[in-house]
Amino acid sequence: MNDLDQLFREATEHVRSPDLVGGALASAHRRRVRRTAVGALAAVVLMGGGAAWVLQDPTPRAGVVDTPSPTATPSVADTDPATQPVWDPFTVVDAPRSPSTLPEQIAPPADAPSIAEAPLPDIVLAWPEEGVDLRVLAANGEWRSVPGTANAIQGTFRDVVSPTISPEGDRVAMAVDAGILVVEATTGEQSVVPWPPELAGPVDSRPGLRWLPGDEGFVVLHWKRPWLVGLDGRGEPAPFGGPYGSGVMVDPDDGTIRERTRAYGPLRTWNDADDASSVSLGGYGERYVTRFGLVAYTGNPGPNGMALMSGPVVVDPGTGEILGYAPIKDRDSVYSDNAHLTALGFVDPDTVLLMVTPMDFRTMGPEDGVTHLVAWDFRTGDFSRLGSGGPGARWIAVAPDLVDGVS
């Protein structure tokens, strides 16, 4: 019996929550209203992470009122080279480096001390790797390992944990066979949230996770449909999303849920369990994040004549207005379908944290790729480097609030 088995045996018995969905969405709505009342910008978090390639119609929900919002005439990206220059991701190595808590070269040590024996003040980055315990990096530059995670998933298509860091950087969580493993940075303590029976498996792959604010728990991106699961193991199906939770976003600050479940579909904001508003977007998109009343993703805002262009996009979810776009000539779908460009979250209301792996399939192999963490000021179009890593860096998780080392 390994440590995770023991934690699972000690976990509380699963009990269905009477209204977990209503509570989570109502809490998000109250926080959003409060922030608006004091003049704060609405917030948004990362649903981006892994890519789910299943595109489907939104699942009809009985009793849900979906109110279309007034939409500015479908926004057309400005294609004038003077204002929307084509971006070549290979030039990112020439971009200036911003001060950051991340090292310029991100490379975890082969053997890192256990976080259980030597806790950290926070977690800014988590590095998963097959056959190796998860390694985590603190803002102070120290690495730790999470014991027991090398074999926490077995018998799936990819027996590697997929970590997600809490917005504050105080915890890291991952779906494992026993449930949701949560690791506290400052104590090194591990706990397992047991799976609701409907999610227990066996499965082809463990689902992705998205943190809800504070101690509210997680959105679990199950292959059938998303679930809301509390830290006590209580859970119920979410009213939003479709298979694999494709296109679902959670605002890390106020918990607002947004989704675009079809690559060319409307963008929906959930106000409560039976009320959502939507706005039309041009073009396609994938790997969405939201914060500060904004949405970022990889895609193409249109028109059709730009079908071979993709890149990072920022839109206003209330109007559909395009606020930023850096088009890339992407004839081989390197940065779109093949996920070599992902928005990881918003650092501030002007800056998106991007993960980009410049690649040319005709001349390079996967092992040749270098992954860069890049800050994109979408209002000015400027890029700056934060750190770079080898091929394994494509699977890392990052806490956007902790990457800016100026503080």
Foldseek 3Di string as FASTA:
>chain_A
DDPLVVLLVVADDEDADPPLQQVLLQQLLVVQVVCVVVPFFFWKFFPFFDFDPDFDDWDDDPQADAAAFAADPAADDDPPCVQFNADAVVCQVVAAAADWLDDQEDDDDQDAAACQVPFDPFFFKWFKDAQGFIWTADSNGGIHGHPPQNQQAPDAPDSIWQWAAALVRQWIWTQGLQAIWIAGRHNRDIHHQGADPVQNDDDNDAADWDDAEDQSQIFTQAQAATKRAGSSNHIDGALGAGGSRWAWIAGSPSGWIWGDRHQQGWIWTDNGRRYIYTYGFAWGFGRWMITSQKIKTWTHRDDPVLVQWIFIWMARGNHNYTQFGHIYRHNPCCCHPVPQKHFRTAQDPQKTWIKHWRDDVVPDDLQPTKIWTWIARRNRRGIHTQHIYTSSVSSMYGNSPRTNPPD
